[in-house]
Amino acid sequence: MGIVLTVTTDATQLVLAIDIDSDPISGWVSNGTKLSRPFQGWIELAGLIEAARSPEGLGSKRSQTLGSFPGANGLGL
């Protein structure tokens, strides 16, 4: 008696264009279609790479609240 295990992996290829003299790093990322997304800074670049890993791909326009500062409207208290 044997165990058969099939593992499939999904991969995506990205096109990365970097503005050579930019500070901070900037450019755009594309998944090979006409859709390309600009970035400025390492955090935005990492965010686009993470977006490409999601089922929606780079086309997703999800927003995420990373935190809030209590004070002005008091909702974060």
PDB file of N, CA and C in Angstrom:
ATOM      1  N   MET A   1       0.858  -1.173   0.000  1.00  0.00           N
ATOM      2  CA  MET A   1       0.000   0.000   0.000  1.00  0.00           C
ATOM      3  C   MET A   1       0.901   1.231   0.000  1.00  0.00           C
ATOM      4  N   GLY A   2       0.640   2.151  -0.883  1.00  0.00           N
ATOM      5  CA  GLY A   2       1.458   3.348  -0.975  1.00  0.00           C
ATOM      6  C   GLY A   2       0.608   4.604  -0.882  1.00  0.00           C
ATOM      7  N   ILE A   3       1.274   5.675  -0.643  1.00  0.00           N
ATOM      8  CA  ILE A   3       0.610   6.974  -0.565  1.00  0.00           C
ATOM      9  C   ILE A   3       1.057   7.785  -1.770  1.00  0.00           C
ATOM     10  N   VAL A   4       0.106   8.309  -2.490  1.00  0.00           N
ATOM     11  CA  VAL A   4       0.401   9.162  -3.635  1.00  0.00           C
ATOM     12  C   VAL A   4      -0.015  10.577  -3.265  1.00  0.00           C
ATOM     13  N   LEU A   5       0.909  11.462  -3.394  1.00  0.00           N
ATOM     14  CA  LEU A   5       0.653  12.854  -3.045  1.00  0.00           C
ATOM     15  C   LEU A   5       1.001  13.718  -4.243  1.00  0.00           C
ATOM     16  N   THR A   6       0.072  14.506  -4.681  1.00  0.00           N
ATOM     17  CA  THR A   6       0.312  15.425  -5.783  1.00  0.00           C
ATOM     18  C   THR A   6       0.332  16.838  -5.236  1.00  0.00           C
ATOM     19  N   VAL A   7       1.393  17.530  -5.520  1.00  0.00           N
ATOM     20  CA  VAL A   7       1.523  18.910  -5.073  1.00  0.00           C
ATOM     21  C   VAL A   7       1.638  19.788  -6.315  1.00  0.00           C
ATOM     22  N   THR A   8       0.794  20.769  -6.390  1.00  0.00           N
ATOM     23  CA  THR A   8       0.890  21.718  -7.491  1.00  0.00           C
ATOM     24  C   THR A   8       1.276  23.077  -6.931  1.00  0.00           C
ATOM     25  N   THR A   9       2.073  23.764  -7.653  1.00  0.00           N
ATOM     26  CA  THR A   9       2.455  25.114  -7.239  1.00  0.00           C
ATOM     27  C   THR A   9       2.118  26.075  -8.367  1.00  0.00           C
ATOM     28  N   ASP A  10       1.698  27.232  -7.982  1.00  0.00           N
ATOM     29  CA  ASP A  10       1.422  28.283  -8.948  1.00  0.00           C
ATOM     30  C   ASP A  10       2.566  29.279  -8.894  1.00  0.00           C
ATOM     31  N   ALA A  11       2.920  29.780 -10.026  1.00  0.00           N
ATOM     32  CA  ALA A  11       3.983  30.784 -10.100  1.00  0.00           C
ATOM     33  C   ALA A  11       3.521  31.887 -11.038  1.00  0.00           C
ATOM     34  N   THR A  12       4.045  33.039 -10.815  1.00  0.00           N
ATOM     35  CA  THR A  12       3.785  34.147 -11.716  1.00  0.00           C
ATOM     36  C   THR A  12       5.108  34.813 -12.041  1.00  0.00           C
ATOM     37  N   GLN A  13       5.181  35.368 -13.214  1.00  0.00           N
ATOM     38  CA  GLN A  13       6.379  36.101 -13.601  1.00  0.00           C
ATOM     39  C   GLN A  13       6.035  37.580 -13.625  1.00  0.00           C
ATOM     40  N   LEU A  14       6.935  38.373 -13.091  1.00  0.00           N
ATOM     41  CA  LEU A  14       6.738  39.811 -13.032  1.00  0.00           C
ATOM     42  C   LEU A  14       7.823  40.509 -13.833  1.00  0.00           C
ATOM     43  N   VAL A  15       7.465  41.638 -14.425  1.00  0.00           N
ATOM     44  CA  VAL A  15       8.423  42.506 -15.097  1.00  0.00           C
ATOM     45  C   VAL A  15       8.662  43.687 -14.167  1.00  0.00           C
ATOM     46  N   LEU A  16       9.905  43.927 -13.844  1.00  0.00           N
ATOM     47  CA  LEU A  16      10.277  44.998 -12.922  1.00  0.00           C
ATOM     48  C   LEU A  16      11.128  46.011 -13.667  1.00  0.00           C
ATOM     49  N   ALA A  17      10.678  47.250 -13.699  1.00  0.00           N
ATOM     50  CA  ALA A  17      11.452  48.339 -14.296  1.00  0.00           C
ATOM     51  C   ALA A  17      11.820  49.314 -13.188  1.00  0.00           C
ATOM     52  N   ILE A  18      13.099  49.620 -13.089  1.00  0.00           N
ATOM     53  CA  ILE A  18      13.599  50.492 -12.020  1.00  0.00           C
ATOM     54  C   ILE A  18      14.165  51.769 -12.632  1.00  0.00           C
ATOM     55  N   ASP A  19      13.762  52.908 -12.082  1.00  0.00           N
ATOM     56  CA  ASP A  19      14.343  54.191 -12.477  1.00  0.00           C
ATOM     57  C   ASP A  19      15.750  54.251 -11.873  1.00  0.00           C
ATOM     58  N   ILE A  20      16.762  54.272 -12.720  1.00  0.00           N
ATOM     59  CA  ILE A  20      18.152  54.118 -12.292  1.00  0.00           C
ATOM     60  C   ILE A  20      18.580  55.148 -11.249  1.00  0.00           C
ATOM     61  N   ASP A  21      18.319  56.411 -11.462  1.00  0.00           N
ATOM     62  CA  ASP A  21      18.832  57.455 -10.568  1.00  0.00           C
ATOM     63  C   ASP A  21      17.830  57.891  -9.504  1.00  0.00           C
ATOM     64  N   SER A  22      16.814  57.083  -9.246  1.00  0.00           N
ATOM     65  CA  SER A  22      15.793  57.508  -8.286  1.00  0.00           C
ATOM     66  C   SER A  22      16.245  57.243  -6.848  1.00  0.00           C
ATOM     67  N   ASP A  23      15.827  58.121  -5.960  1.00  0.00           N
ATOM     68  CA  ASP A  23      16.092  57.954  -4.547  1.00  0.00           C
ATOM     69  C   ASP A  23      14.890  58.509  -3.787  1.00  0.00           C
ATOM     70  N   PRO A  24      14.052  57.676  -3.209  1.00  0.00           N
ATOM     71  CA  PRO A  24      14.183  56.238  -3.036  1.00  0.00           C
ATOM     72  C   PRO A  24      13.906  55.493  -4.342  1.00  0.00           C
ATOM     73  N   ILE A  25      14.098  54.177  -4.310  1.00  0.00           N
ATOM     74  CA  ILE A  25      13.865  53.348  -5.478  1.00  0.00           C
ATOM     75  C   ILE A  25      12.448  53.582  -6.001  1.00  0.00           C
ATOM     76  N   SER A  26      12.306  53.643  -7.324  1.00  0.00           N
ATOM     77  CA  SER A  26      10.988  53.797  -7.932  1.00  0.00           C
ATOM     78  C   SER A  26      10.996  53.124  -9.293  1.00  0.00           C
ATOM     79  N   GLY A  27       9.817  52.907  -9.808  1.00  0.00           N
ATOM     80  CA  GLY A  27       9.667  52.275 -11.109  1.00  0.00           C
ATOM     81  C   GLY A  27       8.274  51.713 -11.241  1.00  0.00           C
ATOM     82  N   TRP A  28       8.155  50.572 -11.932  1.00  0.00           N
ATOM     83  CA  TRP A  28       6.858  49.942 -12.098  1.00  0.00           C
ATOM     84  C   TRP A  28       7.015  48.430 -12.177  1.00  0.00           C
ATOM     85  N   VAL A  29       5.927  47.738 -11.851  1.00  0.00           N
ATOM     86  CA  VAL A  29       5.868  46.284 -11.895  1.00  0.00           C
ATOM     87  C   VAL A  29       4.695  45.901 -12.784  1.00  0.00           C
ATOM     88  N   SER A  30       4.908  44.910 -13.642  1.00  0.00           N
ATOM     89  CA  SER A  30       3.857  44.420 -14.525  1.00  0.00           C
ATOM     90  C   SER A  30       3.848  42.900 -14.479  1.00  0.00           C
ATOM     91  N   ASN A  31       2.688  42.328 -14.745  1.00  0.00           N
ATOM     92  CA  ASN A  31       2.597  40.879 -14.804  1.00  0.00           C
ATOM     93  C   ASN A  31       2.626  40.377 -16.247  1.00  0.00           C
ATOM     94  N   GLY A  32       3.092  41.196 -17.157  1.00  0.00           N
ATOM     95  CA  GLY A  32       3.196  40.805 -18.557  1.00  0.00           C
ATOM     96  C   GLY A  32       1.994  41.199 -19.391  1.00  0.00           C
ATOM     97  N   THR A  33       0.968  41.729 -18.769  1.00  0.00           N
ATOM     98  CA  THR A  33      -0.185  42.226 -19.510  1.00  0.00           C
ATOM     99  C   THR A  33      -0.019  43.730 -19.673  1.00  0.00           C
ATOM    100  N   LYS A  34      -1.040  44.381 -20.139  1.00  0.00           N
ATOM    101  CA  LYS A  34      -0.960  45.837 -20.285  1.00  0.00           C
ATOM    102  C   LYS A  34      -1.014  46.554 -18.942  1.00  0.00           C
ATOM    103  N   LEU A  35      -1.385  45.823 -17.891  1.00  0.00           N
ATOM    104  CA  LEU A  35      -1.497  46.418 -16.564  1.00  0.00           C
ATOM    105  C   LEU A  35      -0.118  46.556 -15.931  1.00  0.00           C
ATOM    106  N   SER A  36       0.249  47.748 -15.564  1.00  0.00           N
ATOM    107  CA  SER A  36       1.484  47.958 -14.811  1.00  0.00           C
ATOM    108  C   SER A  36       1.168  48.887 -13.655  1.00  0.00           C
ATOM    109  N   ARG A  37       1.844  48.666 -12.554  1.00  0.00           N
ATOM    110  CA  ARG A  37       1.597  49.450 -11.346  1.00  0.00           C
ATOM    111  C   ARG A  37       2.885  50.145 -10.933  1.00  0.00           C
ATOM    112  N   PRO A  38       2.836  51.458 -10.728  1.00  0.00           N
ATOM    113  CA  PRO A  38       4.031  52.183 -10.300  1.00  0.00           C
ATOM    114  C   PRO A  38       4.291  51.979  -8.807  1.00  0.00           C
ATOM    115  N   PHE A  39       5.537  52.163  -8.408  1.00  0.00           N
ATOM    116  CA  PHE A  39       5.891  52.106  -6.993  1.00  0.00           C
ATOM    117  C   PHE A  39       6.958  53.156  -6.717  1.00  0.00           C
ATOM    118  N   GLN A  40       7.019  53.573  -5.467  1.00  0.00           N
ATOM    119  CA  GLN A  40       8.069  54.467  -5.003  1.00  0.00           C
ATOM    120  C   GLN A  40       8.447  54.026  -3.605  1.00  0.00           C
ATOM    121  N   GLY A  41       9.640  53.487  -3.473  1.00  0.00           N
ATOM    122  CA  GLY A  41      10.129  53.007  -2.182  1.00  0.00           C
ATOM    123  C   GLY A  41      10.018  51.489  -2.070  1.00  0.00           C
ATOM    124  N   TRP A  42      10.812  50.949  -1.153  1.00  0.00           N
ATOM    125  CA  TRP A  42      10.883  49.505  -0.967  1.00  0.00           C
ATOM    126  C   TRP A  42       9.577  48.920  -0.459  1.00  0.00           C
ATOM    127  N   ILE A  43       8.862  49.662   0.370  1.00  0.00           N
ATOM    128  CA  ILE A  43       7.621  49.136   0.943  1.00  0.00           C
ATOM    129  C   ILE A  43       6.558  48.992  -0.140  1.00  0.00           C
ATOM    130  N   GLU A  44       6.433  49.973  -1.021  1.00  0.00           N
ATOM    131  CA  GLU A  44       5.473  49.849  -2.105  1.00  0.00           C
ATOM    132  C   GLU A  44       5.859  48.721  -3.058  1.00  0.00           C
ATOM    133  N   LEU A  45       7.156  48.552  -3.334  1.00  0.00           N
ATOM    134  CA  LEU A  45       7.607  47.447  -4.181  1.00  0.00           C
ATOM    135  C   LEU A  45       7.241  46.116  -3.540  1.00  0.00           C
ATOM    136  N   ALA A  46       7.512  45.969  -2.251  1.00  0.00           N
ATOM    137  CA  ALA A  46       7.162  44.732  -1.550  1.00  0.00           C
ATOM    138  C   ALA A  46       5.650  44.508  -1.576  1.00  0.00           C
ATOM    139  N   GLY A  47       4.882  45.574  -1.449  1.00  0.00           N
ATOM    140  CA  GLY A  47       3.423  45.463  -1.500  1.00  0.00           C
ATOM    141  C   GLY A  47       2.932  44.963  -2.847  1.00  0.00           C
ATOM    142  N   LEU A  48       3.552  45.423  -3.928  1.00  0.00           N
ATOM    143  CA  LEU A  48       3.162  44.955  -5.257  1.00  0.00           C
ATOM    144  C   LEU A  48       3.532  43.494  -5.467  1.00  0.00           C
ATOM    145  N   ILE A  49       4.668  43.088  -4.936  1.00  0.00           N
ATOM    146  CA  ILE A  49       5.057  41.677  -5.037  1.00  0.00           C
ATOM    147  C   ILE A  49       4.060  40.816  -4.263  1.00  0.00           C
ATOM    148  N   GLU A  50       3.668  41.262  -3.073  1.00  0.00           N
ATOM    149  CA  GLU A  50       2.671  40.526  -2.300  1.00  0.00           C
ATOM    150  C   GLU A  50       1.329  40.498  -3.030  1.00  0.00           C
ATOM    151  N   ALA A  51       0.955  41.610  -3.660  1.00  0.00           N
ATOM    152  CA  ALA A  51      -0.304  41.649  -4.409  1.00  0.00           C
ATOM    153  C   ALA A  51      -0.271  40.649  -5.558  1.00  0.00           C
ATOM    154  N   ALA A  52       0.878  40.497  -6.198  1.00  0.00           N
ATOM    155  CA  ALA A  52       1.006  39.548  -7.307  1.00  0.00           C
ATOM    156  C   ALA A  52       0.839  38.112  -6.830  1.00  0.00           C
ATOM    157  N   ARG A  53       1.134  37.853  -5.562  1.00  0.00           N
ATOM    158  CA  ARG A  53       1.000  36.513  -4.997  1.00  0.00           C
ATOM    159  C   ARG A  53      -0.440  36.167  -4.649  1.00  0.00           C
ATOM    160  N   SER A  54      -1.313  37.159  -4.559  1.00  0.00           N
ATOM    161  CA  SER A  54      -2.704  36.922  -4.187  1.00  0.00           C
ATOM    162  C   SER A  54      -3.488  36.388  -5.389  1.00  0.00           C
ATOM    163  N   PRO A  55      -4.636  35.762  -5.149  1.00  0.00           N
ATOM    164  CA  PRO A  55      -5.444  35.247  -6.259  1.00  0.00           C
ATOM    165  C   PRO A  55      -5.871  36.330  -7.250  1.00  0.00           C
ATOM    166  N   GLU A  56      -6.043  37.558  -6.784  1.00  0.00           N
ATOM    167  CA  GLU A  56      -6.457  38.646  -7.668  1.00  0.00           C
ATOM    168  C   GLU A  56      -5.296  39.173  -8.502  1.00  0.00           C
ATOM    169  N   GLY A  57      -4.077  38.926  -8.082  1.00  0.00           N
ATOM    170  CA  GLY A  57      -2.906  39.413  -8.807  1.00  0.00           C
ATOM    171  C   GLY A  57      -2.724  40.908  -8.661  1.00  0.00           C
ATOM    172  N   LEU A  58      -1.980  41.489  -9.583  1.00  0.00           N
ATOM    173  CA  LEU A  58      -1.703  42.927  -9.527  1.00  0.00           C
ATOM    174  C   LEU A  58      -2.939  43.772  -9.805  1.00  0.00           C
ATOM    175  N   GLY A  59      -3.975  43.173 -10.338  1.00  0.00           N
ATOM    176  CA  GLY A  59      -5.183  43.930 -10.649  1.00  0.00           C
ATOM    177  C   GLY A  59      -5.997  44.302  -9.433  1.00  0.00           C
ATOM    178  N   SER A  60      -5.674  43.725  -8.286  1.00  0.00           N
ATOM    179  CA  SER A  60      -6.462  44.007  -7.093  1.00  0.00           C
ATOM    180  C   SER A  60      -6.154  45.401  -6.578  1.00  0.00           C
ATOM    181  N   LYS A  61      -7.170  46.051  -6.115  1.00  0.00           N
ATOM    182  CA  LYS A  61      -7.021  47.393  -5.548  1.00  0.00           C
ATOM    183  C   LYS A  61      -7.413  47.347  -4.080  1.00  0.00           C
ATOM    184  N   ARG A  62      -7.036  46.258  -3.407  1.00  0.00           N
ATOM    185  CA  ARG A  62      -7.389  46.120  -1.998  1.00  0.00           C
ATOM    186  C   ARG A  62      -6.652  47.159  -1.177  1.00  0.00           C
ATOM    187  N   SER A  63      -7.321  47.660  -0.185  1.00  0.00           N
ATOM    188  CA  SER A  63      -6.653  48.560   0.745  1.00  0.00           C
ATOM    189  C   SER A  63      -6.716  47.925   2.132  1.00  0.00           C
ATOM    190  N   GLN A  64      -5.726  48.208   2.904  1.00  0.00           N
ATOM    191  CA  GLN A  64      -5.646  47.620   4.237  1.00  0.00           C
ATOM    192  C   GLN A  64      -5.235  48.708   5.203  1.00  0.00           C
ATOM    193  N   THR A  65      -5.967  48.814   6.297  1.00  0.00           N
ATOM    194  CA  THR A  65      -5.602  49.759   7.329  1.00  0.00           C
ATOM    195  C   THR A  65      -4.553  49.109   8.208  1.00  0.00           C
ATOM    196  N   LEU A  66      -3.375  49.698   8.247  1.00  0.00           N
ATOM    197  CA  LEU A  66      -2.291  49.127   9.005  1.00  0.00           C
ATOM    198  C   LEU A  66      -2.298  49.580  10.456  1.00  0.00           C
ATOM    199  N   GLY A  67      -2.990  50.625  10.749  1.00  0.00           N
ATOM    200  CA  GLY A  67      -3.043  51.130  12.104  1.00  0.00           C
ATOM    201  C   GLY A  67      -3.785  52.440  12.139  1.00  0.00           C
ATOM    202  N   SER A  68      -4.015  52.963  13.294  1.00  0.00           N
ATOM    203  CA  SER A  68      -4.685  54.255  13.406  1.00  0.00           C
ATOM    204  C   SER A  68      -4.055  55.033  14.539  1.00  0.00           C
ATOM    205  N   PHE A  69      -4.162  56.309  14.438  1.00  0.00           N
ATOM    206  CA  PHE A  69      -3.647  57.194  15.461  1.00  0.00           C
ATOM    207  C   PHE A  69      -4.821  57.801  16.217  1.00  0.00           C
ATOM    208  N   PRO A  70      -4.990  57.434  17.487  1.00  0.00           N
ATOM    209  CA  PRO A  70      -6.072  58.036  18.240  1.00  0.00           C
ATOM    210  C   PRO A  70      -5.833  59.525  18.422  1.00  0.00           C
ATOM    211  N   GLY A  71      -6.875  60.243  18.493  1.00  0.00           N
ATOM    212  CA  GLY A  71      -6.689  61.667  18.716  1.00  0.00           C
ATOM    213  C   GLY A  71      -7.758  62.494  18.069  1.00  0.00           C
ATOM    214  N   ALA A  72      -7.533  62.936  16.843  1.00  0.00           N
ATOM    215  CA  ALA A  72      -8.370  63.910  16.202  1.00  0.00           C
ATOM    216  C   ALA A  72      -9.858  63.547  16.227  1.00  0.00           C
ATOM    217  N   ASN A  73     -10.204  62.297  15.868  1.00  0.00           N
ATOM    218  CA  ASN A  73     -11.618  61.962  15.881  1.00  0.00           C
ATOM    219  C   ASN A  73     -11.968  61.032  17.035  1.00  0.00           C
ATOM    220  N   GLY A  74     -10.985  60.526  17.746  1.00  0.00           N
ATOM    221  CA  GLY A  74     -11.243  59.709  18.916  1.00  0.00           C
ATOM    222  C   GLY A  74     -11.760  58.305  18.625  1.00  0.00           C
ATOM    223  N   LEU A  75     -11.878  57.895  17.341  1.00  0.00           N
ATOM    224  CA  LEU A  75     -12.419  56.583  17.028  1.00  0.00           C
ATOM    225  C   LEU A  75     -11.462  55.457  17.423  1.00  0.00           C
ATOM    226  N   GLY A  76     -10.160  55.733  17.481  1.00  0.00           N
ATOM    227  CA  GLY A  76      -9.208  54.707  17.814  1.00  0.00           C
ATOM    228  C   GLY A  76      -9.064  54.453  19.307  1.00  0.00           C
ATOM    229  N   LEU A  77      -9.800  55.183  20.138  1.00  0.00           N
ATOM    230  CA  LEU A  77      -9.701  55.019  21.587  1.00  0.00           C
ATOM    231  C   LEU A  77     -10.545  53.905  22.108  1.00  0.00           C
TER     232      LEU A  77
END
